[in-house]
Amino acid sequence: MTEPTPLSPAEAADCGTRLAGLLDGLEGVVIGQQKVLHQLLVTLVAGGHALLEGVPGTAKTLSVQVLAEALGCSFKRIQFTPDLMPSDVTGVNVLNQIEQRFEFHPGPLFADLVLGDEINRAPAKTQSALLEAMSEGRTTVDGATHELGDLFTVFATQNPVEYEGTYPLPEAQLDRFLLKVLVGYPDRPAEIDVLRRHRAGFDQREPATFGIGHSLGREGLGELRAAARRVRVEDEVLEYIADLVRSTREDPTLVIGASPRASVALLRAAQACALIDGRDYVIPDDVKSMAVPVLRHRVMLSPEAEIDGASTDERVESAIAQVAAPESRDAELTPQP
């Protein structure tokens, strides 16, 4: 297999400048959620999907909507409910009575950025249809396969408080999400800024009030995804990623550790993180910053650990603290002159 041509420092710096401009624009609209926006951008650049967990009213929908607006991408929102059928998501074949043939009418899944609101309220059959789309980039309706777009990205949300009437996501589907992003409350100054923006006329239902243009574009996003795959990752960093992920399988407080797919996800997220910073190479800090959102939903606590009040975030952070990073060799991980 031929490895892609490594990204040059100049190319990486240009990509970083473009992504920084996009991030600044997003932060000007979605106030007080800088970390969340950064992780959503990592998801997009890495070509993955993200699960957003947070209480209602913390700008989960707005974040994805503004991201689509800034990129000039198509955006669809699906409100998941217990009676939602797979065809409501994927689309249906409808008989054209004039031509006497069936025509496929695509569902809301056929968009660049798809927001699945309260995904854990959908029944298992509908979740399975979404799982196929996320993992394969295509969907099957009445035996016919339909390709989704190259930029197809799912941002799903779930409420961490309300569990009545929900269908917990199976491990196989959780593993398809590159990141699990926790969306919390903004701090007091940010919340006051939110009120000021609404007083000045901001309306989430009217994209014209966002004050954000198409700073990157669909083609630009495709270029950035290709560039992220060319970010250099030295063997020492690959070994660090593998050791970090493998350590979760040896943790006695976890009944399920992270799989090799998690290692690949951590690699892709670290490459995207480096590109956002304008670097053509990955450093251990990129891996550390992405480890918790990449791994928190891929490991499972033992019943005893849950009773003791442990969390998956704590266990991943413990792994980061215990696994030695190649920090002493950072000089060898910097770009060559």
C-alpha atoms as a PDB file:
ATOM      1  CA  MET A   1       0.000   0.000   0.000  1.00  0.00           C
ATOM      2  CA  THR A   2       1.351   3.417  -0.989  1.00  0.00           C
ATOM      3  CA  GLU A   3       1.283   5.999   1.773  1.00  0.00           C
ATOM      4  CA  PRO A   4      -0.076   9.453   0.873  1.00  0.00           C
ATOM      5  CA  THR A   5       2.412  12.226   0.211  1.00  0.00           C
ATOM      6  CA  PRO A   6       3.115  13.952   3.537  1.00  0.00           C
ATOM      7  CA  LEU A   7       1.638  17.384   3.987  1.00  0.00           C
ATOM      8  CA  SER A   8       4.138  20.231   3.758  1.00  0.00           C
ATOM      9  CA  PRO A   9       4.446  22.803   6.568  1.00  0.00           C
ATOM     10  CA  ALA A  10       3.192  25.523   4.220  1.00  0.00           C
ATOM     11  CA  GLU A  11       0.126  23.488   3.239  1.00  0.00           C
ATOM     12  CA  ALA A  12      -0.611  22.710   6.886  1.00  0.00           C
ATOM     13  CA  ALA A  13      -0.285  26.375   7.853  1.00  0.00           C
ATOM     14  CA  ASP A  14      -2.716  27.372   5.088  1.00  0.00           C
ATOM     15  CA  CYS A  15      -5.229  24.742   6.226  1.00  0.00           C
ATOM     16  CA  GLY A  16      -4.844  25.897   9.822  1.00  0.00           C
ATOM     17  CA  THR A  17      -5.542  29.504   8.821  1.00  0.00           C
ATOM     18  CA  ARG A  18      -8.705  28.520   6.969  1.00  0.00           C
ATOM     19  CA  LEU A  19      -9.938  26.379   9.853  1.00  0.00           C
ATOM     20  CA  ALA A  20      -9.118  29.090  12.410  1.00  0.00           C
ATOM     21  CA  GLY A  21     -11.239  31.538  10.423  1.00  0.00           C
ATOM     22  CA  LEU A  22     -14.111  29.073  10.355  1.00  0.00           C
ATOM     23  CA  LEU A  23     -13.814  28.407  14.084  1.00  0.00           C
ATOM     24  CA  ASP A  24     -13.782  32.130  14.875  1.00  0.00           C
ATOM     25  CA  GLY A  25     -16.962  32.578  12.862  1.00  0.00           C
ATOM     26  CA  LEU A  26     -18.674  29.711  14.662  1.00  0.00           C
ATOM     27  CA  GLU A  27     -17.655  31.024  18.076  1.00  0.00           C
ATOM     28  CA  GLY A  28     -19.143  34.398  17.165  1.00  0.00           C
ATOM     29  CA  VAL A  29     -22.558  32.781  16.802  1.00  0.00           C
ATOM     30  CA  VAL A  30     -22.525  29.901  19.305  1.00  0.00           C
ATOM     31  CA  ILE A  31     -21.405  31.622  22.487  1.00  0.00           C
ATOM     32  CA  GLY A  32     -19.576  29.832  25.296  1.00  0.00           C
ATOM     33  CA  GLN A  33     -19.131  26.451  23.584  1.00  0.00           C
ATOM     34  CA  GLN A  34     -15.584  26.756  22.197  1.00  0.00           C
ATOM     35  CA  LYS A  35     -14.544  23.235  23.183  1.00  0.00           C
ATOM     36  CA  VAL A  36     -17.691  21.723  21.677  1.00  0.00           C
ATOM     37  CA  LEU A  37     -17.209  23.602  18.399  1.00  0.00           C
ATOM     38  CA  HIS A  38     -13.581  22.487  18.204  1.00  0.00           C
ATOM     39  CA  GLN A  39     -14.616  18.857  18.635  1.00  0.00           C
ATOM     40  CA  LEU A  40     -17.345  19.186  15.994  1.00  0.00           C
ATOM     41  CA  LEU A  41     -14.756  20.599  13.613  1.00  0.00           C
ATOM     42  CA  VAL A  42     -12.409  17.700  14.399  1.00  0.00           C
ATOM     43  CA  THR A  43     -15.268  15.318  13.557  1.00  0.00           C
ATOM     44  CA  LEU A  44     -15.891  16.997  10.209  1.00  0.00           C
ATOM     45  CA  VAL A  45     -12.234  17.218   9.183  1.00  0.00           C
ATOM     46  CA  ALA A  46     -11.598  13.613  10.221  1.00  0.00           C
ATOM     47  CA  GLY A  47     -14.616  12.434   8.217  1.00  0.00           C
ATOM     48  CA  GLY A  48     -16.443  10.881  11.169  1.00  0.00           C
ATOM     49  CA  HIS A  49     -19.716  11.242  13.062  1.00  0.00           C
ATOM     50  CA  ALA A  50     -20.380  12.697  16.512  1.00  0.00           C
ATOM     51  CA  LEU A  51     -22.777  12.002  19.368  1.00  0.00           C
ATOM     52  CA  LEU A  52     -23.663  15.132  21.340  1.00  0.00           C
ATOM     53  CA  GLU A  53     -24.930  14.641  24.868  1.00  0.00           C
ATOM     54  CA  GLY A  54     -26.356  17.482  26.899  1.00  0.00           C
ATOM     55  CA  VAL A  55     -29.516  18.833  28.463  1.00  0.00           C
ATOM     56  CA  PRO A  56     -31.977  20.730  26.234  1.00  0.00           C
ATOM     57  CA  GLY A  57     -31.202  24.346  25.441  1.00  0.00           C
ATOM     58  CA  THR A  58     -27.396  24.168  25.319  1.00  0.00           C
ATOM     59  CA  ALA A  59     -27.066  25.001  21.578  1.00  0.00           C
ATOM     60  CA  LYS A  60     -26.562  21.472  20.233  1.00  0.00           C
ATOM     61  CA  THR A  61     -28.881  22.003  17.277  1.00  0.00           C
ATOM     62  CA  LEU A  62     -27.661  25.544  16.724  1.00  0.00           C
ATOM     63  CA  SER A  63     -24.020  24.433  16.588  1.00  0.00           C
ATOM     64  CA  VAL A  64     -24.674  21.997  13.742  1.00  0.00           C
ATOM     65  CA  GLN A  65     -26.999  24.408  11.951  1.00  0.00           C
ATOM     66  CA  VAL A  66     -24.417  27.198  12.032  1.00  0.00           C
ATOM     67  CA  LEU A  67     -21.684  24.807  10.903  1.00  0.00           C
ATOM     68  CA  ALA A  68     -23.756  23.825   7.870  1.00  0.00           C
ATOM     69  CA  GLU A  69     -24.487  27.471   7.113  1.00  0.00           C
ATOM     70  CA  ALA A  70     -20.802  28.409   7.292  1.00  0.00           C
ATOM     71  CA  LEU A  71     -19.804  25.564   4.982  1.00  0.00           C
ATOM     72  CA  GLY A  72     -22.633  26.038   2.523  1.00  0.00           C
ATOM     73  CA  CYS A  73     -23.637  22.413   3.099  1.00  0.00           C
ATOM     74  CA  SER A  74     -27.131  20.961   2.962  1.00  0.00           C
ATOM     75  CA  PHE A  75     -28.624  20.404   6.405  1.00  0.00           C
ATOM     76  CA  LYS A  76     -31.494  18.209   7.562  1.00  0.00           C
ATOM     77  CA  ARG A  77     -32.856  17.641  11.044  1.00  0.00           C
ATOM     78  CA  ILE A  78     -34.605  14.421  12.072  1.00  0.00           C
ATOM     79  CA  GLN A  79     -36.669  14.382  15.265  1.00  0.00           C
ATOM     80  CA  PHE A  80     -36.456  10.800  16.491  1.00  0.00           C
ATOM     81  CA  THR A  81     -39.573   9.388  18.165  1.00  0.00           C
ATOM     82  CA  PRO A  82     -40.631   5.880  19.244  1.00  0.00           C
ATOM     83  CA  ASP A  83     -42.931   5.538  16.215  1.00  0.00           C
ATOM     84  CA  LEU A  84     -40.334   6.631  13.636  1.00  0.00           C
ATOM     85  CA  MET A  85     -39.909   4.022  10.905  1.00  0.00           C
ATOM     86  CA  PRO A  86     -36.718   3.370   8.864  1.00  0.00           C
ATOM     87  CA  SER A  87     -38.481   4.628   5.711  1.00  0.00           C
ATOM     88  CA  ASP A  88     -39.115   7.965   7.479  1.00  0.00           C
ATOM     89  CA  VAL A  89     -35.353   8.388   7.603  1.00  0.00           C
ATOM     90  CA  THR A  90     -34.038   6.705   4.457  1.00  0.00           C
ATOM     91  CA  GLY A  91     -36.856   7.421   2.011  1.00  0.00           C
ATOM     92  CA  VAL A  92     -39.458   5.377   0.117  1.00  0.00           C
ATOM     93  CA  ASN A  93     -40.266   4.116  -3.353  1.00  0.00           C
ATOM     94  CA  VAL A  94     -43.428   5.753  -4.705  1.00  0.00           C
ATOM     95  CA  LEU A  95     -45.371   4.555  -7.731  1.00  0.00           C
ATOM     96  CA  ASN A  96     -45.385   7.008 -10.620  1.00  0.00           C
ATOM     97  CA  GLN A  97     -48.870   6.324 -11.978  1.00  0.00           C
ATOM     98  CA  ILE A  98     -48.201   8.093 -15.276  1.00  0.00           C
ATOM     99  CA  GLU A  99     -45.089   6.103 -16.137  1.00  0.00           C
ATOM    100  CA  GLN A 100     -46.164   3.043 -14.139  1.00  0.00           C
ATOM    101  CA  ARG A 101     -42.852   2.651 -12.353  1.00  0.00           C
ATOM    102  CA  PHE A 102     -41.530   3.168  -8.859  1.00  0.00           C
ATOM    103  CA  GLU A 103     -39.450   6.258  -8.108  1.00  0.00           C
ATOM    104  CA  PHE A 104     -37.233   6.664  -5.076  1.00  0.00           C
ATOM    105  CA  HIS A 105     -38.040   9.663  -2.904  1.00  0.00           C
ATOM    106  CA  PRO A 106     -35.016  10.251  -0.646  1.00  0.00           C
ATOM    107  CA  GLY A 107     -35.558  10.872   3.046  1.00  0.00           C
ATOM    108  CA  PRO A 108     -33.856  13.440   5.294  1.00  0.00           C
ATOM    109  CA  LEU A 109     -30.798  11.185   5.536  1.00  0.00           C
ATOM    110  CA  PHE A 110     -29.746  12.479   2.115  1.00  0.00           C
ATOM    111  CA  ALA A 111     -27.953  15.644   3.185  1.00  0.00           C
ATOM    112  CA  ASP A 112     -24.383  16.704   3.911  1.00  0.00           C
ATOM    113  CA  LEU A 113     -24.936  17.351   7.614  1.00  0.00           C
ATOM    114  CA  VAL A 114     -27.722  15.405   9.318  1.00  0.00           C
ATOM    115  CA  LEU A 115     -28.823  16.183  12.866  1.00  0.00           C
ATOM    116  CA  GLY A 116     -30.498  13.226  14.552  1.00  0.00           C
ATOM    117  CA  ASP A 117     -32.259  14.804  17.517  1.00  0.00           C
ATOM    118  CA  GLU A 118     -32.796  12.504  20.541  1.00  0.00           C
ATOM    119  CA  ILE A 119     -31.538   9.481  18.653  1.00  0.00           C
ATOM    120  CA  ASN A 120     -32.075   7.192  21.638  1.00  0.00           C
ATOM    121  CA  ARG A 121     -35.850   7.632  21.283  1.00  0.00           C
ATOM    122  CA  ALA A 122     -35.845   5.723  17.975  1.00  0.00           C
ATOM    123  CA  PRO A 123     -36.648   1.978  17.981  1.00  0.00           C
ATOM    124  CA  ALA A 124     -33.944  -0.567  17.165  1.00  0.00           C
ATOM    125  CA  LYS A 125     -34.987  -1.055  13.530  1.00  0.00           C
ATOM    126  CA  THR A 126     -34.688   2.656  12.775  1.00  0.00           C
ATOM    127  CA  GLN A 127     -31.381   2.854  14.617  1.00  0.00           C
ATOM    128  CA  SER A 128     -30.108  -0.030  12.463  1.00  0.00           C
ATOM    129  CA  ALA A 129     -30.978   1.879   9.291  1.00  0.00           C
ATOM    130  CA  LEU A 130     -28.994   4.830  10.556  1.00  0.00           C
ATOM    131  CA  LEU A 131     -26.126   2.525  11.559  1.00  0.00           C
ATOM    132  CA  GLU A 132     -25.827   1.198   7.998  1.00  0.00           C
ATOM    133  CA  ALA A 133     -25.735   4.718   6.622  1.00  0.00           C
ATOM    134  CA  MET A 134     -23.064   5.820   9.104  1.00  0.00           C
ATOM    135  CA  SER A 135     -20.796   2.819   8.616  1.00  0.00           C
ATOM    136  CA  GLU A 136     -21.234   2.223   4.882  1.00  0.00           C
ATOM    137  CA  GLY A 137     -22.018   5.659   3.465  1.00  0.00           C
ATOM    138  CA  ARG A 138     -25.066   4.180   1.738  1.00  0.00           C
ATOM    139  CA  THR A 139     -28.546   2.961   2.537  1.00  0.00           C
ATOM    140  CA  THR A 140     -30.707   0.138   1.212  1.00  0.00           C
ATOM    141  CA  VAL A 141     -34.408   0.566   0.413  1.00  0.00           C
ATOM    142  CA  ASP A 142     -36.448  -2.325  -1.000  1.00  0.00           C
ATOM    143  CA  GLY A 143     -33.258  -4.139  -1.967  1.00  0.00           C
ATOM    144  CA  ALA A 144     -31.791  -1.191  -3.883  1.00  0.00           C
ATOM    145  CA  THR A 145     -28.678   0.552  -2.614  1.00  0.00           C
ATOM    146  CA  HIS A 146     -28.464   4.349  -2.650  1.00  0.00           C
ATOM    147  CA  GLU A 147     -25.167   6.156  -2.128  1.00  0.00           C
ATOM    148  CA  LEU A 148     -24.984   9.085   0.272  1.00  0.00           C
ATOM    149  CA  GLY A 149     -22.848  12.144  -0.391  1.00  0.00           C
ATOM    150  CA  ASP A 150     -19.087  12.301   0.164  1.00  0.00           C
ATOM    151  CA  LEU A 151     -19.586  14.825   2.977  1.00  0.00           C
ATOM    152  CA  PHE A 152     -22.362  12.874   4.714  1.00  0.00           C
ATOM    153  CA  THR A 153     -21.948  13.424   8.457  1.00  0.00           C
ATOM    154  CA  VAL A 154     -24.286  12.523  11.308  1.00  0.00           C
ATOM    155  CA  PHE A 155     -24.474  14.622  14.447  1.00  0.00           C
ATOM    156  CA  ALA A 156     -26.790  12.827  16.846  1.00  0.00           C
ATOM    157  CA  THR A 157     -28.018  14.194  20.171  1.00  0.00           C
ATOM    158  CA  GLN A 158     -29.295  12.567  23.320  1.00  0.00           C
ATOM    159  CA  ASN A 159     -30.535  13.852  26.663  1.00  0.00           C
ATOM    160  CA  PRO A 160     -28.488  12.514  29.627  1.00  0.00           C
ATOM    161  CA  VAL A 161     -31.325  13.062  32.104  1.00  0.00           C
ATOM    162  CA  GLU A 162     -34.511  11.664  30.565  1.00  0.00           C
ATOM    163  CA  TYR A 163     -34.502   7.891  30.020  1.00  0.00           C
ATOM    164  CA  GLU A 164     -38.217   7.031  30.090  1.00  0.00           C
ATOM    165  CA  GLY A 165     -39.367   5.854  26.667  1.00  0.00           C
ATOM    166  CA  THR A 166     -35.849   5.615  25.253  1.00  0.00           C
ATOM    167  CA  TYR A 167     -33.933   2.846  23.503  1.00  0.00           C
ATOM    168  CA  PRO A 168     -30.278   2.852  24.624  1.00  0.00           C
ATOM    169  CA  LEU A 169     -27.871   2.809  21.693  1.00  0.00           C
ATOM    170  CA  PRO A 170     -26.182  -0.580  21.238  1.00  0.00           C
ATOM    171  CA  GLU A 171     -22.399  -0.785  21.566  1.00  0.00           C
ATOM    172  CA  ALA A 172     -22.053  -1.477  17.824  1.00  0.00           C
ATOM    173  CA  GLN A 173     -23.734   1.824  17.003  1.00  0.00           C
ATOM    174  CA  LEU A 174     -21.914   3.814  19.659  1.00  0.00           C
ATOM    175  CA  ASP A 175     -18.644   2.575  18.184  1.00  0.00           C
ATOM    176  CA  ARG A 176     -19.561   4.185  14.848  1.00  0.00           C
ATOM    177  CA  PHE A 177     -19.342   7.655  16.382  1.00  0.00           C
ATOM    178  CA  LEU A 178     -15.864   9.140  16.104  1.00  0.00           C
ATOM    179  CA  LEU A 179     -16.447  11.378  19.136  1.00  0.00           C
ATOM    180  CA  LYS A 180     -18.897  11.633  21.983  1.00  0.00           C
ATOM    181  CA  VAL A 181     -19.137  15.340  22.777  1.00  0.00           C
ATOM    182  CA  LEU A 182     -20.467  16.494  26.146  1.00  0.00           C
ATOM    183  CA  VAL A 183     -22.307  19.809  25.882  1.00  0.00           C
ATOM    184  CA  GLY A 184     -22.579  21.690  29.163  1.00  0.00           C
ATOM    185  CA  TYR A 185     -23.872  25.054  30.277  1.00  0.00           C
ATOM    186  CA  PRO A 186     -21.999  28.216  29.251  1.00  0.00           C
ATOM    187  CA  ASP A 187     -20.394  30.266  31.997  1.00  0.00           C
ATOM    188  CA  ARG A 188     -22.058  33.439  33.314  1.00  0.00           C
ATOM    189  CA  PRO A 189     -20.330  35.991  30.998  1.00  0.00           C
ATOM    190  CA  ALA A 190     -21.101  33.812  27.958  1.00  0.00           C
ATOM    191  CA  GLU A 191     -24.740  33.459  28.986  1.00  0.00           C
ATOM    192  CA  ILE A 192     -25.054  37.221  29.292  1.00  0.00           C
ATOM    193  CA  ASP A 193     -23.554  37.539  25.782  1.00  0.00           C
ATOM    194  CA  VAL A 194     -26.207  35.114  24.529  1.00  0.00           C
ATOM    195  CA  LEU A 195     -28.909  37.379  25.961  1.00  0.00           C
ATOM    196  CA  ARG A 196     -27.305  40.444  24.347  1.00  0.00           C
ATOM    197  CA  ARG A 197     -27.316  38.739  20.943  1.00  0.00           C
ATOM    198  CA  HIS A 198     -31.004  37.836  21.260  1.00  0.00           C
ATOM    199  CA  ARG A 199     -31.796  41.377  22.369  1.00  0.00           C
ATOM    200  CA  ALA A 200     -30.031  42.606  19.225  1.00  0.00           C
ATOM    201  CA  GLY A 201     -32.236  40.470  16.987  1.00  0.00           C
ATOM    202  CA  PHE A 202     -30.613  37.043  16.807  1.00  0.00           C
ATOM    203  CA  ASP A 203     -33.091  34.289  15.915  1.00  0.00           C
ATOM    204  CA  GLN A 204     -32.084  30.650  15.656  1.00  0.00           C
ATOM    205  CA  ARG A 205     -34.922  30.073  13.175  1.00  0.00           C
ATOM    206  CA  GLU A 206     -33.523  32.707  10.791  1.00  0.00           C
ATOM    207  CA  PRO A 207     -30.019  31.900   9.424  1.00  0.00           C
ATOM    208  CA  ALA A 208     -29.875  35.454   8.051  1.00  0.00           C
ATOM    209  CA  THR A 209     -29.405  36.658  11.641  1.00  0.00           C
ATOM    210  CA  PHE A 210     -26.352  34.441  12.205  1.00  0.00           C
ATOM    211  CA  GLY A 211     -24.012  36.950  10.598  1.00  0.00           C
ATOM    212  CA  ILE A 212     -21.791  34.202   9.183  1.00  0.00           C
ATOM    213  CA  GLY A 213     -20.873  33.663   5.543  1.00  0.00           C
ATOM    214  CA  HIS A 214     -19.666  30.649   3.588  1.00  0.00           C
ATOM    215  CA  SER A 215     -16.095  30.935   4.841  1.00  0.00           C
ATOM    216  CA  LEU A 216     -14.967  27.541   3.591  1.00  0.00           C
ATOM    217  CA  GLY A 217     -17.439  25.843   1.265  1.00  0.00           C
ATOM    218  CA  ARG A 218     -18.161  22.214   0.448  1.00  0.00           C
ATOM    219  CA  GLU A 219     -15.148  21.893  -1.833  1.00  0.00           C
ATOM    220  CA  GLY A 220     -12.920  23.393   0.816  1.00  0.00           C
ATOM    221  CA  LEU A 221     -14.095  20.831   3.361  1.00  0.00           C
ATOM    222  CA  GLY A 222     -13.267  18.015   0.957  1.00  0.00           C
ATOM    223  CA  GLU A 223      -9.765  19.429   0.496  1.00  0.00           C
ATOM    224  CA  LEU A 224      -9.249  19.674   4.249  1.00  0.00           C
ATOM    225  CA  ARG A 225     -10.340  16.075   4.778  1.00  0.00           C
ATOM    226  CA  ALA A 226      -7.808  14.935   2.195  1.00  0.00           C
ATOM    227  CA  ALA A 227      -5.126  17.092   3.834  1.00  0.00           C
ATOM    228  CA  ALA A 228      -5.831  15.612   7.283  1.00  0.00           C
ATOM    229  CA  ARG A 229      -5.027  12.121   5.982  1.00  0.00           C
ATOM    230  CA  ARG A 230      -1.616  13.446   4.894  1.00  0.00           C
ATOM    231  CA  VAL A 231      -0.654  14.789   8.336  1.00  0.00           C
ATOM    232  CA  ARG A 232       2.523  12.971   9.393  1.00  0.00           C
ATOM    233  CA  VAL A 233       2.354  10.513  12.304  1.00  0.00           C
ATOM    234  CA  GLU A 234       5.647   9.026  13.489  1.00  0.00           C
ATOM    235  CA  ASP A 235       5.917   5.444  14.693  1.00  0.00           C
ATOM    236  CA  GLU A 236       6.453   6.608  18.282  1.00  0.00           C
ATOM    237  CA  VAL A 237       3.072   8.340  18.246  1.00  0.00           C
ATOM    238  CA  LEU A 238       1.410   5.303  16.650  1.00  0.00           C
ATOM    239  CA  GLU A 239       2.837   3.148  19.433  1.00  0.00           C
ATOM    240  CA  TYR A 240       1.561   5.636  22.020  1.00  0.00           C
ATOM    241  CA  ILE A 241      -1.960   5.493  20.534  1.00  0.00           C
ATOM    242  CA  ALA A 242      -1.899   1.679  20.568  1.00  0.00           C
ATOM    243  CA  ASP A 243      -0.598   1.519  24.150  1.00  0.00           C
ATOM    244  CA  LEU A 244      -3.210   4.014  25.347  1.00  0.00           C
ATOM    245  CA  VAL A 245      -6.097   2.122  23.774  1.00  0.00           C
ATOM    246  CA  ARG A 246      -4.798  -1.294  24.841  1.00  0.00           C
ATOM    247  CA  SER A 247      -4.478  -0.108  28.437  1.00  0.00           C
ATOM    248  CA  THR A 248      -8.277   0.238  28.628  1.00  0.00           C
ATOM    249  CA  ARG A 249      -8.557  -3.526  27.999  1.00  0.00           C
ATOM    250  CA  GLU A 250      -6.386  -4.210  31.035  1.00  0.00           C
ATOM    251  CA  ASP A 251      -8.259  -1.877  33.392  1.00  0.00           C
ATOM    252  CA  PRO A 252     -10.033  -4.057  36.006  1.00  0.00           C
ATOM    253  CA  THR A 253     -12.774  -1.450  36.441  1.00  0.00           C
ATOM    254  CA  LEU A 254     -13.803  -1.825  32.789  1.00  0.00           C
ATOM    255  CA  VAL A 255     -15.686  -4.861  31.496  1.00  0.00           C
ATOM    256  CA  ILE A 256     -15.206  -3.712  27.897  1.00  0.00           C
ATOM    257  CA  GLY A 257     -12.109  -1.929  26.673  1.00  0.00           C
ATOM    258  CA  ALA A 258     -11.647   0.028  23.470  1.00  0.00           C
ATOM    259  CA  SER A 259     -11.306  -1.919  20.210  1.00  0.00           C
ATOM    260  CA  PRO A 260      -8.761  -1.538  17.377  1.00  0.00           C
ATOM    261  CA  ARG A 261     -11.372   0.607  15.625  1.00  0.00           C
ATOM    262  CA  ALA A 262     -10.948   3.025  18.532  1.00  0.00           C
ATOM    263  CA  SER A 263      -7.199   3.182  17.809  1.00  0.00           C
ATOM    264  CA  VAL A 264      -7.938   4.182  14.212  1.00  0.00           C
ATOM    265  CA  ALA A 265     -10.483   6.747  15.391  1.00  0.00           C
ATOM    266  CA  LEU A 266      -7.957   8.254  17.796  1.00  0.00           C
ATOM    267  CA  LEU A 267      -5.384   8.442  14.992  1.00  0.00           C
ATOM    268  CA  ARG A 268      -7.806  10.241  12.648  1.00  0.00           C
ATOM    269  CA  ALA A 269      -8.957  12.636  15.364  1.00  0.00           C
ATOM    270  CA  ALA A 270      -5.348  13.471  16.305  1.00  0.00           C
ATOM    271  CA  GLN A 271      -4.508  14.179  12.661  1.00  0.00           C
ATOM    272  CA  ALA A 272      -7.511  16.509  12.368  1.00  0.00           C
ATOM    273  CA  CYS A 273      -6.548  18.216  15.622  1.00  0.00           C
ATOM    274  CA  ALA A 274      -3.013  18.823  14.338  1.00  0.00           C
ATOM    275  CA  LEU A 275      -4.340  20.270  11.068  1.00  0.00           C
ATOM    276  CA  ILE A 276      -6.657  22.673  12.914  1.00  0.00           C
ATOM    277  CA  ASP A 277      -3.550  23.890  14.776  1.00  0.00           C
ATOM    278  CA  GLY A 278      -1.776  24.368  11.432  1.00  0.00           C
ATOM    279  CA  ARG A 279       0.769  21.570  11.906  1.00  0.00           C
ATOM    280  CA  ASP A 280       1.795  18.936   9.393  1.00  0.00           C
ATOM    281  CA  TYR A 281       2.631  16.423  12.134  1.00  0.00           C
ATOM    282  CA  VAL A 282       0.907  14.896  15.167  1.00  0.00           C
ATOM    283  CA  ILE A 283       2.312  15.351  18.656  1.00  0.00           C
ATOM    284  CA  PRO A 284       1.367  13.375  21.789  1.00  0.00           C
ATOM    285  CA  ASP A 285      -0.703  16.311  23.058  1.00  0.00           C
ATOM    286  CA  ASP A 286      -3.017  15.909  20.056  1.00  0.00           C
ATOM    287  CA  VAL A 287      -3.623  12.314  21.111  1.00  0.00           C
ATOM    288  CA  LYS A 288      -4.156  13.291  24.748  1.00  0.00           C
ATOM    289  CA  SER A 289      -6.662  16.042  23.880  1.00  0.00           C
ATOM    290  CA  MET A 290      -8.727  13.668  21.745  1.00  0.00           C
ATOM    291  CA  ALA A 291      -8.483  10.513  23.894  1.00  0.00           C
ATOM    292  CA  VAL A 292     -11.444  11.223  26.185  1.00  0.00           C
ATOM    293  CA  PRO A 293     -14.022  12.197  23.501  1.00  0.00           C
ATOM    294  CA  VAL A 294     -12.860   9.303  21.289  1.00  0.00           C
ATOM    295  CA  LEU A 295     -12.846   6.615  23.993  1.00  0.00           C
ATOM    296  CA  ARG A 296     -15.501   7.605  26.573  1.00  0.00           C
ATOM    297  CA  HIS A 297     -18.325   5.837  24.690  1.00  0.00           C
ATOM    298  CA  ARG A 298     -16.242   2.841  23.639  1.00  0.00           C
ATOM    299  CA  VAL A 299     -15.529   1.467  27.111  1.00  0.00           C
ATOM    300  CA  MET A 300     -17.930   0.079  29.713  1.00  0.00           C
ATOM    301  CA  LEU A 301     -17.638   0.284  33.470  1.00  0.00           C
ATOM    302  CA  SER A 302     -18.009  -2.781  35.656  1.00  0.00           C
ATOM    303  CA  PRO A 303     -21.103  -2.791  37.919  1.00  0.00           C
ATOM    304  CA  GLU A 304     -18.847  -2.373  40.971  1.00  0.00           C
ATOM    305  CA  ALA A 305     -17.171   0.699  39.467  1.00  0.00           C
ATOM    306  CA  GLU A 306     -20.559   2.222  38.656  1.00  0.00           C
ATOM    307  CA  ILE A 307     -21.720   1.700  42.233  1.00  0.00           C
ATOM    308  CA  ASP A 308     -18.548   3.429  43.438  1.00  0.00           C
ATOM    309  CA  GLY A 309     -19.430   6.430  41.289  1.00  0.00           C
ATOM    310  CA  ALA A 310     -16.678   6.051  38.705  1.00  0.00           C
ATOM    311  CA  SER A 311     -17.065   7.413  35.166  1.00  0.00           C
ATOM    312  CA  THR A 312     -15.605   6.384  31.826  1.00  0.00           C
ATOM    313  CA  ASP A 313     -14.011   9.828  31.522  1.00  0.00           C
ATOM    314  CA  GLU A 314     -12.104   9.216  34.757  1.00  0.00           C
ATOM    315  CA  ARG A 315     -10.887   5.824  33.553  1.00  0.00           C
ATOM    316  CA  VAL A 316      -9.657   7.241  30.239  1.00  0.00           C
ATOM    317  CA  GLU A 317      -7.950  10.128  32.040  1.00  0.00           C
ATOM    318  CA  SER A 318      -6.314   7.581  34.335  1.00  0.00           C
ATOM    319  CA  ALA A 319      -4.983   5.745  31.274  1.00  0.00           C
ATOM    320  CA  ILE A 320      -3.587   9.004  29.890  1.00  0.00           C
ATOM    321  CA  ALA A 321      -1.804   9.628  33.205  1.00  0.00           C
ATOM    322  CA  GLN A 322      -0.371   6.125  33.391  1.00  0.00           C
ATOM    323  CA  VAL A 323       0.728   5.431  29.801  1.00  0.00           C
ATOM    324  CA  ALA A 324       4.067   7.039  29.023  1.00  0.00           C
ATOM    325  CA  ALA A 325       3.945   9.469  26.101  1.00  0.00           C
ATOM    326  CA  PRO A 326       6.983  10.007  23.841  1.00  0.00           C
ATOM    327  CA  GLU A 327       7.425  13.535  25.182  1.00  0.00           C
ATOM    328  CA  SER A 328      11.170  13.186  25.575  1.00  0.00           C
ATOM    329  CA  ARG A 329      11.419  12.626  21.823  1.00  0.00           C
ATOM    330  CA  ASP A 330       9.327  15.604  20.730  1.00  0.00           C
ATOM    331  CA  ALA A 331      12.307  17.021  18.890  1.00  0.00           C
ATOM    332  CA  GLU A 332      12.181  14.043  16.527  1.00  0.00           C
ATOM    333  CA  LEU A 333       8.442  14.590  15.936  1.00  0.00           C
ATOM    334  CA  THR A 334       8.815  18.133  14.632  1.00  0.00           C
ATOM    335  CA  PRO A 335       8.950  18.864  10.894  1.00  0.00           C
ATOM    336  CA  GLN A 336      12.298  18.316   9.212  1.00  0.00           C
ATOM    337  CA  PRO A 337      14.017  21.443   7.846  1.00  0.00           C
END
